[in-house]
Amino acid sequence: GFDDRSENTDSLGSSCDLAYIIYTSGTTGRPKGVLGTHVGVVNQILWRKNRYAYFPADSFLQKTSYCFDFSIGEFFLPLSVGGRVVLAPLAADLDFEVLGKVMSTCQVTDVQFVPSMFVPFCEYLLTSGEVFPDSMKRISLGGEAVSPACCVGFQKVKNRASLHNHYGPTETIMEACFFDCSNWVTGSVPIGRPRWNTICLIFDSQMHLSPTGVCGELYIGGIGVSPGYLNRPELTAERFIDNPFGEGKLYKSGDLA
């Protein structure tokens, strides 16, 4: 028969259990299933809430495919503060007029772009004699390197919004680093500082720490780093190495910093 106990059941889950598996695009080889954990997602959500002080009245535009980890914030950040998720129509990513109307009509406060889409959208607003709606508070850029053109275009149509560079590969669960680039003018846009419970180390080709100001490869560690790739133990061992300075793993990003 049914268990008629009245007390709460024991939790069989762990914060290190998998929350999702997201496959990379495969542009650098065979697609890889990146493992994302509950603790990594929760760390990201709590950090963003603390950093940007979201309110229940905020509205997030959800326009990123759930096949990309960029969508995690669009789904769960507003729900974590009692805010609103605005589901963008399919045409929004293809038609800037539709996208602009959704932002204005639904009083969107937060939106995310890849830089290659953000620059032409700013150009569209400028050509149309428009700016971002009064409701817009924060614009996040990620998924690609942020160019100075993003900042220049933003400053012409920003209205009341701020612009943020959120750097992080899929293997680090959304962004690992953040930088407010609202007033950036010229030169390479920095990726900024690590978020909560995240470390960033820069090594030379001999795995020695690079001196300040010297270029090297970026390695990322912390509770937001993926435990590895699904059924790819050799690749996991190659890209997720033991941290020589402490516990846990470091993800070999392949990016220069």
C-alpha atoms as a PDB file:
ATOM      1  CA  GLY A   1       0.000   0.000   0.000  1.00  0.00           C
ATOM      2  CA  PHE A   2       0.925   3.663   0.127  1.00  0.00           C
ATOM      3  CA  ASP A   3       3.410   5.008   2.674  1.00  0.00           C
ATOM      4  CA  ASP A   4       1.237   6.911   5.151  1.00  0.00           C
ATOM      5  CA  ARG A   5       4.042   8.556   7.135  1.00  0.00           C
ATOM      6  CA  SER A   6       3.331  12.222   7.833  1.00  0.00           C
ATOM      7  CA  GLU A   7       6.904  13.475   8.247  1.00  0.00           C
ATOM      8  CA  ASN A   8       8.984  14.846   5.393  1.00  0.00           C
ATOM      9  CA  THR A   9      10.838  12.270   3.358  1.00  0.00           C
ATOM     10  CA  ASP A  10      14.613  12.173   3.409  1.00  0.00           C
ATOM     11  CA  SER A  11      16.380  14.074   0.680  1.00  0.00           C
ATOM     12  CA  LEU A  12      18.273  11.718  -1.587  1.00  0.00           C
ATOM     13  CA  GLY A  13      19.747  14.466  -3.712  1.00  0.00           C
ATOM     14  CA  SER A  14      23.039  16.335  -3.488  1.00  0.00           C
ATOM     15  CA  SER A  15      24.055  19.812  -4.537  1.00  0.00           C
ATOM     16  CA  CYS A  16      26.647  18.155  -6.759  1.00  0.00           C
ATOM     17  CA  ASP A  17      24.003  16.210  -8.691  1.00  0.00           C
ATOM     18  CA  LEU A  18      23.540  17.093 -12.331  1.00  0.00           C
ATOM     19  CA  ALA A  19      21.028  19.810 -13.172  1.00  0.00           C
ATOM     20  CA  TYR A  20      21.425  19.587 -16.945  1.00  0.00           C
ATOM     21  CA  ILE A  21      23.607  18.528 -19.867  1.00  0.00           C
ATOM     22  CA  ILE A  22      24.230  21.090 -22.600  1.00  0.00           C
ATOM     23  CA  TYR A  23      26.035  20.212 -25.799  1.00  0.00           C
ATOM     24  CA  THR A  24      28.498  22.651 -27.305  1.00  0.00           C
ATOM     25  CA  SER A  25      28.148  23.604 -30.949  1.00  0.00           C
ATOM     26  CA  GLY A  26      30.988  21.370 -32.055  1.00  0.00           C
ATOM     27  CA  THR A  27      32.791  24.156 -33.912  1.00  0.00           C
ATOM     28  CA  THR A  28      36.078  22.917 -32.461  1.00  0.00           C
ATOM     29  CA  GLY A  29      35.372  19.225 -33.063  1.00  0.00           C
ATOM     30  CA  ARG A  30      32.759  16.631 -32.072  1.00  0.00           C
ATOM     31  CA  PRO A  31      30.008  18.157 -29.881  1.00  0.00           C
ATOM     32  CA  LYS A  32      30.602  17.652 -26.158  1.00  0.00           C
ATOM     33  CA  GLY A  33      27.961  17.160 -23.482  1.00  0.00           C
ATOM     34  CA  VAL A  34      28.869  19.624 -20.710  1.00  0.00           C
ATOM     35  CA  LEU A  35      27.655  18.582 -17.256  1.00  0.00           C
ATOM     36  CA  GLY A  36      26.077  21.316 -15.129  1.00  0.00           C
ATOM     37  CA  THR A  37      25.479  20.870 -11.392  1.00  0.00           C
ATOM     38  CA  HIS A  38      22.810  22.224  -9.069  1.00  0.00           C
ATOM     39  CA  VAL A  39      25.411  23.962  -6.896  1.00  0.00           C
ATOM     40  CA  GLY A  40      26.843  25.692  -9.946  1.00  0.00           C
ATOM     41  CA  VAL A  41      23.450  26.998 -11.019  1.00  0.00           C
ATOM     42  CA  VAL A  42      22.515  28.129  -7.501  1.00  0.00           C
ATOM     43  CA  ASN A  43      25.857  29.897  -7.061  1.00  0.00           C
ATOM     44  CA  GLN A  44      25.291  31.762 -10.315  1.00  0.00           C
ATOM     45  CA  ILE A  45      21.738  32.792  -9.446  1.00  0.00           C
ATOM     46  CA  LEU A  46      22.624  33.962  -5.924  1.00  0.00           C
ATOM     47  CA  TRP A  47      25.632  35.908  -7.195  1.00  0.00           C
ATOM     48  CA  ARG A  48      23.619  37.700  -9.867  1.00  0.00           C
ATOM     49  CA  LYS A  49      20.866  38.563  -7.366  1.00  0.00           C
ATOM     50  CA  ASN A  50      23.423  40.084  -5.007  1.00  0.00           C
ATOM     51  CA  ARG A  51      25.338  41.909  -7.723  1.00  0.00           C
ATOM     52  CA  TYR A  52      22.415  43.522  -9.533  1.00  0.00           C
ATOM     53  CA  ALA A  53      19.715  43.767  -6.847  1.00  0.00           C
ATOM     54  CA  TYR A  54      16.811  42.451  -8.902  1.00  0.00           C
ATOM     55  CA  PHE A  55      13.246  43.221  -7.803  1.00  0.00           C
ATOM     56  CA  PRO A  56       9.905  41.400  -8.172  1.00  0.00           C
ATOM     57  CA  ALA A  57       8.843  44.128 -10.598  1.00  0.00           C
ATOM     58  CA  ASP A  58      11.676  43.265 -13.019  1.00  0.00           C
ATOM     59  CA  SER A  59      10.917  41.571 -16.338  1.00  0.00           C
ATOM     60  CA  PHE A  60      13.482  39.405 -18.139  1.00  0.00           C
ATOM     61  CA  LEU A  61      13.231  38.790 -21.859  1.00  0.00           C
ATOM     62  CA  GLN A  62      13.636  35.079 -22.569  1.00  0.00           C
ATOM     63  CA  LYS A  63      14.903  34.812 -26.148  1.00  0.00           C
ATOM     64  CA  THR A  64      17.884  32.447 -25.902  1.00  0.00           C
ATOM     65  CA  SER A  65      17.486  28.785 -26.865  1.00  0.00           C
ATOM     66  CA  TYR A  66      17.603  26.428 -23.890  1.00  0.00           C
ATOM     67  CA  CYS A  67      20.361  24.610 -25.789  1.00  0.00           C
ATOM     68  CA  PHE A  68      22.712  27.346 -24.510  1.00  0.00           C
ATOM     69  CA  ASP A  69      23.575  28.039 -20.863  1.00  0.00           C
ATOM     70  CA  PHE A  70      22.928  31.745 -21.484  1.00  0.00           C
ATOM     71  CA  SER A  71      19.237  30.830 -21.123  1.00  0.00           C
ATOM     72  CA  ILE A  72      19.638  29.747 -17.484  1.00  0.00           C
ATOM     73  CA  GLY A  73      19.611  33.324 -16.256  1.00  0.00           C
ATOM     74  CA  GLU A  74      16.632  34.240 -18.418  1.00  0.00           C
ATOM     75  CA  PHE A  75      14.566  31.412 -16.933  1.00  0.00           C
ATOM     76  CA  PHE A  76      15.611  31.249 -13.301  1.00  0.00           C
ATOM     77  CA  LEU A  77      16.793  34.725 -12.276  1.00  0.00           C
ATOM     78  CA  PRO A  78      13.364  36.377 -12.525  1.00  0.00           C
ATOM     79  CA  LEU A  79      11.673  33.406 -10.865  1.00  0.00           C
ATOM     80  CA  SER A  80      14.152  33.582  -7.966  1.00  0.00           C
ATOM     81  CA  VAL A  81      12.962  37.094  -7.064  1.00  0.00           C
ATOM     82  CA  GLY A  82       9.289  36.758  -7.995  1.00  0.00           C
ATOM     83  CA  GLY A  83       9.849  38.626 -11.247  1.00  0.00           C
ATOM     84  CA  ARG A  84       8.432  38.014 -14.693  1.00  0.00           C
ATOM     85  CA  VAL A  85       9.700  35.921 -17.612  1.00  0.00           C
ATOM     86  CA  VAL A  86       8.720  37.469 -20.943  1.00  0.00           C
ATOM     87  CA  LEU A  87       8.781  34.787 -23.630  1.00  0.00           C
ATOM     88  CA  ALA A  88       9.909  36.381 -26.876  1.00  0.00           C
ATOM     89  CA  PRO A  89       8.149  35.366 -30.102  1.00  0.00           C
ATOM     90  CA  LEU A  90      10.213  33.303 -32.517  1.00  0.00           C
ATOM     91  CA  ALA A  91      10.462  36.254 -34.892  1.00  0.00           C
ATOM     92  CA  ALA A  92      12.191  38.450 -32.301  1.00  0.00           C
ATOM     93  CA  ASP A  93      15.682  37.182 -33.105  1.00  0.00           C
ATOM     94  CA  LEU A  94      15.126  37.728 -36.823  1.00  0.00           C
ATOM     95  CA  ASP A  95      13.146  40.959 -36.862  1.00  0.00           C
ATOM     96  CA  PHE A  96      14.532  43.904 -34.886  1.00  0.00           C
ATOM     97  CA  GLU A  97      11.233  45.760 -35.123  1.00  0.00           C
ATOM     98  CA  VAL A  98       9.475  42.873 -33.384  1.00  0.00           C
ATOM     99  CA  LEU A  99      12.235  42.668 -30.771  1.00  0.00           C
ATOM    100  CA  GLY A 100      12.028  46.387 -30.032  1.00  0.00           C
ATOM    101  CA  LYS A 101       8.244  46.286 -29.687  1.00  0.00           C
ATOM    102  CA  VAL A 102       8.392  43.351 -27.267  1.00  0.00           C
ATOM    103  CA  MET A 103      10.897  45.185 -25.067  1.00  0.00           C
ATOM    104  CA  SER A 104       8.773  48.331 -25.024  1.00  0.00           C
ATOM    105  CA  THR A 105       5.314  46.781 -24.749  1.00  0.00           C
ATOM    106  CA  CYS A 106       6.291  44.305 -22.025  1.00  0.00           C
ATOM    107  CA  GLN A 107       8.435  46.862 -20.149  1.00  0.00           C
ATOM    108  CA  VAL A 108      11.466  44.585 -20.178  1.00  0.00           C
ATOM    109  CA  THR A 109      14.138  45.467 -17.601  1.00  0.00           C
ATOM    110  CA  ASP A 110      16.767  42.849 -18.473  1.00  0.00           C
ATOM    111  CA  VAL A 111      17.912  41.416 -21.784  1.00  0.00           C
ATOM    112  CA  GLN A 112      20.872  39.381 -23.015  1.00  0.00           C
ATOM    113  CA  PHE A 113      22.596  39.585 -26.403  1.00  0.00           C
ATOM    114  CA  VAL A 114      25.495  38.001 -28.210  1.00  0.00           C
ATOM    115  CA  PRO A 115      27.714  40.872 -29.422  1.00  0.00           C
ATOM    116  CA  SER A 116      27.256  40.005 -33.110  1.00  0.00           C
ATOM    117  CA  MET A 117      23.523  40.648 -32.706  1.00  0.00           C
ATOM    118  CA  PHE A 118      23.808  43.577 -30.319  1.00  0.00           C
ATOM    119  CA  VAL A 119      25.790  45.854 -32.650  1.00  0.00           C
ATOM    120  CA  PRO A 120      23.299  45.679 -35.549  1.00  0.00           C
ATOM    121  CA  PHE A 121      20.383  46.060 -33.126  1.00  0.00           C
ATOM    122  CA  CYS A 122      21.907  49.283 -31.801  1.00  0.00           C
ATOM    123  CA  GLU A 123      22.368  50.420 -35.409  1.00  0.00           C
ATOM    124  CA  TYR A 124      18.706  49.637 -36.072  1.00  0.00           C
ATOM    125  CA  LEU A 125      17.603  51.722 -33.076  1.00  0.00           C
ATOM    126  CA  LEU A 126      19.834  54.614 -34.121  1.00  0.00           C
ATOM    127  CA  THR A 127      18.615  54.553 -37.731  1.00  0.00           C
ATOM    128  CA  SER A 128      15.002  54.385 -36.540  1.00  0.00           C
ATOM    129  CA  GLY A 129      15.508  57.320 -34.188  1.00  0.00           C
ATOM    130  CA  GLU A 130      14.811  55.131 -31.171  1.00  0.00           C
ATOM    131  CA  VAL A 131      16.574  54.161 -27.936  1.00  0.00           C
ATOM    132  CA  PHE A 132      16.193  51.337 -25.450  1.00  0.00           C
ATOM    133  CA  PRO A 133      12.883  51.681 -23.549  1.00  0.00           C
ATOM    134  CA  ASP A 134      12.721  53.581 -20.264  1.00  0.00           C
ATOM    135  CA  SER A 135      12.092  50.303 -18.447  1.00  0.00           C
ATOM    136  CA  MET A 136      15.435  48.778 -19.495  1.00  0.00           C
ATOM    137  CA  LYS A 137      17.910  48.548 -16.599  1.00  0.00           C
ATOM    138  CA  ARG A 138      20.564  46.010 -17.586  1.00  0.00           C
ATOM    139  CA  ILE A 139      21.886  44.600 -20.854  1.00  0.00           C
ATOM    140  CA  SER A 140      24.187  41.579 -20.670  1.00  0.00           C
ATOM    141  CA  LEU A 141      26.587  40.547 -23.422  1.00  0.00           C
ATOM    142  CA  GLY A 142      28.083  37.078 -23.652  1.00  0.00           C
ATOM    143  CA  GLY A 143      28.818  34.098 -25.839  1.00  0.00           C
ATOM    144  CA  GLU A 144      31.417  36.002 -27.881  1.00  0.00           C
ATOM    145  CA  ALA A 145      34.179  38.534 -27.328  1.00  0.00           C
ATOM    146  CA  VAL A 146      32.753  42.000 -26.677  1.00  0.00           C
ATOM    147  CA  SER A 147      34.153  44.557 -29.105  1.00  0.00           C
ATOM    148  CA  PRO A 148      34.495  48.322 -28.580  1.00  0.00           C
ATOM    149  CA  ALA A 149      31.798  48.674 -31.265  1.00  0.00           C
ATOM    150  CA  CYS A 150      29.298  47.228 -28.776  1.00  0.00           C
ATOM    151  CA  CYS A 151      30.086  49.967 -26.267  1.00  0.00           C
ATOM    152  CA  VAL A 152      30.077  52.752 -28.858  1.00  0.00           C
ATOM    153  CA  GLY A 153      26.740  51.625 -30.277  1.00  0.00           C
ATOM    154  CA  PHE A 154      25.254  51.245 -26.807  1.00  0.00           C
ATOM    155  CA  GLN A 155      26.181  54.762 -25.727  1.00  0.00           C
ATOM    156  CA  LYS A 156      24.165  56.206 -28.613  1.00  0.00           C
ATOM    157  CA  VAL A 157      20.925  54.421 -27.711  1.00  0.00           C
ATOM    158  CA  LYS A 158      21.304  53.414 -24.050  1.00  0.00           C
ATOM    159  CA  ASN A 159      18.680  55.664 -22.441  1.00  0.00           C
ATOM    160  CA  ARG A 160      18.733  54.543 -18.752  1.00  0.00           C
ATOM    161  CA  ALA A 161      20.305  51.111 -19.201  1.00  0.00           C
ATOM    162  CA  SER A 162      23.731  49.791 -18.193  1.00  0.00           C
ATOM    163  CA  LEU A 163      25.881  47.401 -20.253  1.00  0.00           C
ATOM    164  CA  HIS A 164      27.740  44.384 -18.861  1.00  0.00           C
ATOM    165  CA  ASN A 165      30.322  42.021 -20.329  1.00  0.00           C
ATOM    166  CA  HIS A 166      29.659  38.544 -18.928  1.00  0.00           C
ATOM    167  CA  TYR A 167      32.474  36.197 -19.900  1.00  0.00           C
ATOM    168  CA  GLY A 168      32.313  32.466 -19.421  1.00  0.00           C
ATOM    169  CA  PRO A 169      32.394  29.277 -21.485  1.00  0.00           C
ATOM    170  CA  THR A 170      29.679  26.633 -21.166  1.00  0.00           C
ATOM    171  CA  GLU A 171      32.026  24.698 -18.884  1.00  0.00           C
ATOM    172  CA  THR A 172      31.730  27.370 -16.167  1.00  0.00           C
ATOM    173  CA  ILE A 173      27.897  27.672 -16.052  1.00  0.00           C
ATOM    174  CA  MET A 174      27.111  31.078 -17.542  1.00  0.00           C
ATOM    175  CA  GLU A 175      29.616  33.795 -16.763  1.00  0.00           C
ATOM    176  CA  ALA A 176      32.766  33.303 -14.736  1.00  0.00           C
ATOM    177  CA  CYS A 177      33.766  36.990 -14.937  1.00  0.00           C
ATOM    178  CA  PHE A 178      31.910  40.281 -15.175  1.00  0.00           C
ATOM    179  CA  PHE A 179      32.677  43.854 -16.182  1.00  0.00           C
ATOM    180  CA  ASP A 180      30.498  46.965 -16.386  1.00  0.00           C
ATOM    181  CA  CYS A 181      31.383  48.362 -19.810  1.00  0.00           C
ATOM    182  CA  SER A 182      28.696  51.051 -19.923  1.00  0.00           C
ATOM    183  CA  ASN A 183      31.263  53.836 -20.262  1.00  0.00           C
ATOM    184  CA  TRP A 184      34.010  51.979 -22.126  1.00  0.00           C
ATOM    185  CA  VAL A 185      35.254  53.921 -25.157  1.00  0.00           C
ATOM    186  CA  THR A 186      38.331  52.466 -26.871  1.00  0.00           C
ATOM    187  CA  GLY A 187      40.560  49.404 -26.766  1.00  0.00           C
ATOM    188  CA  SER A 188      39.837  45.793 -25.862  1.00  0.00           C
ATOM    189  CA  VAL A 189      36.906  45.419 -23.491  1.00  0.00           C
ATOM    190  CA  PRO A 190      38.047  43.709 -20.240  1.00  0.00           C
ATOM    191  CA  ILE A 191      36.339  40.575 -18.938  1.00  0.00           C
ATOM    192  CA  GLY A 192      36.658  41.987 -15.425  1.00  0.00           C
ATOM    193  CA  ARG A 193      36.717  40.079 -12.148  1.00  0.00           C
ATOM    194  CA  PRO A 194      35.561  36.584 -11.124  1.00  0.00           C
ATOM    195  CA  ARG A 195      32.092  36.090  -9.661  1.00  0.00           C
ATOM    196  CA  TRP A 196      31.477  34.481  -6.256  1.00  0.00           C
ATOM    197  CA  ASN A 197      33.326  31.237  -5.475  1.00  0.00           C
ATOM    198  CA  THR A 198      35.338  31.449  -8.689  1.00  0.00           C
ATOM    199  CA  ILE A 199      39.070  31.761  -9.273  1.00  0.00           C
ATOM    200  CA  CYS A 200      40.861  32.745 -12.457  1.00  0.00           C
ATOM    201  CA  LEU A 201      44.538  31.951 -12.983  1.00  0.00           C
ATOM    202  CA  ILE A 202      46.737  32.797 -15.955  1.00  0.00           C
ATOM    203  CA  PHE A 203      49.514  30.339 -16.829  1.00  0.00           C
ATOM    204  CA  ASP A 204      52.297  30.401 -19.388  1.00  0.00           C
ATOM    205  CA  SER A 205      53.054  27.454 -21.688  1.00  0.00           C
ATOM    206  CA  GLN A 206      55.074  25.788 -18.896  1.00  0.00           C
ATOM    207  CA  MET A 207      52.173  26.021 -16.424  1.00  0.00           C
ATOM    208  CA  HIS A 208      53.854  28.783 -14.429  1.00  0.00           C
ATOM    209  CA  LEU A 209      51.774  31.710 -13.243  1.00  0.00           C
ATOM    210  CA  SER A 210      52.163  34.621 -15.650  1.00  0.00           C
ATOM    211  CA  PRO A 211      53.431  37.886 -14.119  1.00  0.00           C
ATOM    212  CA  THR A 212      51.000  40.783 -13.944  1.00  0.00           C
ATOM    213  CA  GLY A 213      50.505  42.272 -17.384  1.00  0.00           C
ATOM    214  CA  VAL A 214      51.943  39.267 -19.230  1.00  0.00           C
ATOM    215  CA  CYS A 215      49.632  37.335 -21.554  1.00  0.00           C
ATOM    216  CA  GLY A 216      48.894  33.685 -20.841  1.00  0.00           C
ATOM    217  CA  GLU A 217      46.121  31.092 -20.960  1.00  0.00           C
ATOM    218  CA  LEU A 218      43.145  31.524 -18.643  1.00  0.00           C
ATOM    219  CA  TYR A 219      42.231  28.682 -16.267  1.00  0.00           C
ATOM    220  CA  ILE A 220      39.000  28.862 -14.273  1.00  0.00           C
ATOM    221  CA  GLY A 221      38.159  27.094 -11.013  1.00  0.00           C
ATOM    222  CA  GLY A 222      35.451  27.089  -8.366  1.00  0.00           C
ATOM    223  CA  ILE A 223      32.109  25.481  -7.581  1.00  0.00           C
ATOM    224  CA  GLY A 224      30.602  26.726 -10.835  1.00  0.00           C
ATOM    225  CA  VAL A 225      32.993  24.726 -12.987  1.00  0.00           C
ATOM    226  CA  SER A 226      31.528  21.663 -14.693  1.00  0.00           C
ATOM    227  CA  PRO A 227      32.665  18.222 -13.486  1.00  0.00           C
ATOM    228  CA  GLY A 228      33.442  17.378 -17.096  1.00  0.00           C
ATOM    229  CA  TYR A 229      31.999  15.986 -20.314  1.00  0.00           C
ATOM    230  CA  LEU A 230      29.442  13.212 -20.652  1.00  0.00           C
ATOM    231  CA  ASN A 231      31.123   9.902 -21.523  1.00  0.00           C
ATOM    232  CA  ARG A 232      34.355  11.656 -22.535  1.00  0.00           C
ATOM    233  CA  PRO A 233      36.841  10.738 -19.760  1.00  0.00           C
ATOM    234  CA  GLU A 234      39.973  11.425 -21.813  1.00  0.00           C
ATOM    235  CA  LEU A 235      38.811  14.858 -22.925  1.00  0.00           C
ATOM    236  CA  THR A 236      37.646  15.634 -19.385  1.00  0.00           C
ATOM    237  CA  ALA A 237      41.104  14.785 -18.021  1.00  0.00           C
ATOM    238  CA  GLU A 238      42.698  16.981 -20.679  1.00  0.00           C
ATOM    239  CA  ARG A 239      40.538  20.064 -20.119  1.00  0.00           C
ATOM    240  CA  PHE A 240      39.856  19.820 -16.361  1.00  0.00           C
ATOM    241  CA  ILE A 241      43.149  19.623 -14.489  1.00  0.00           C
ATOM    242  CA  ASP A 242      44.000  19.423 -10.789  1.00  0.00           C
ATOM    243  CA  ASN A 243      44.441  22.819  -9.183  1.00  0.00           C
ATOM    244  CA  PRO A 244      48.149  23.016  -8.248  1.00  0.00           C
ATOM    245  CA  PHE A 245      47.376  25.645  -5.587  1.00  0.00           C
ATOM    246  CA  GLY A 246      44.398  24.120  -3.838  1.00  0.00           C
ATOM    247  CA  GLU A 247      41.450  21.772  -4.006  1.00  0.00           C
ATOM    248  CA  GLY A 248      39.243  21.109  -6.983  1.00  0.00           C
ATOM    249  CA  LYS A 249      39.751  21.350 -10.705  1.00  0.00           C
ATOM    250  CA  LEU A 250      40.727  24.124 -13.096  1.00  0.00           C
ATOM    251  CA  TYR A 251      39.129  24.379 -16.507  1.00  0.00           C
ATOM    252  CA  LYS A 252      41.576  25.008 -19.343  1.00  0.00           C
ATOM    253  CA  SER A 253      39.669  27.663 -21.286  1.00  0.00           C
ATOM    254  CA  GLY A 254      41.948  27.984 -24.296  1.00  0.00           C
ATOM    255  CA  ASP A 255      41.466  31.766 -24.101  1.00  0.00           C
ATOM    256  CA  LEU A 256      44.329  34.217 -23.735  1.00  0.00           C
ATOM    257  CA  ALA A 257      44.173  36.858 -21.030  1.00  0.00           C
END
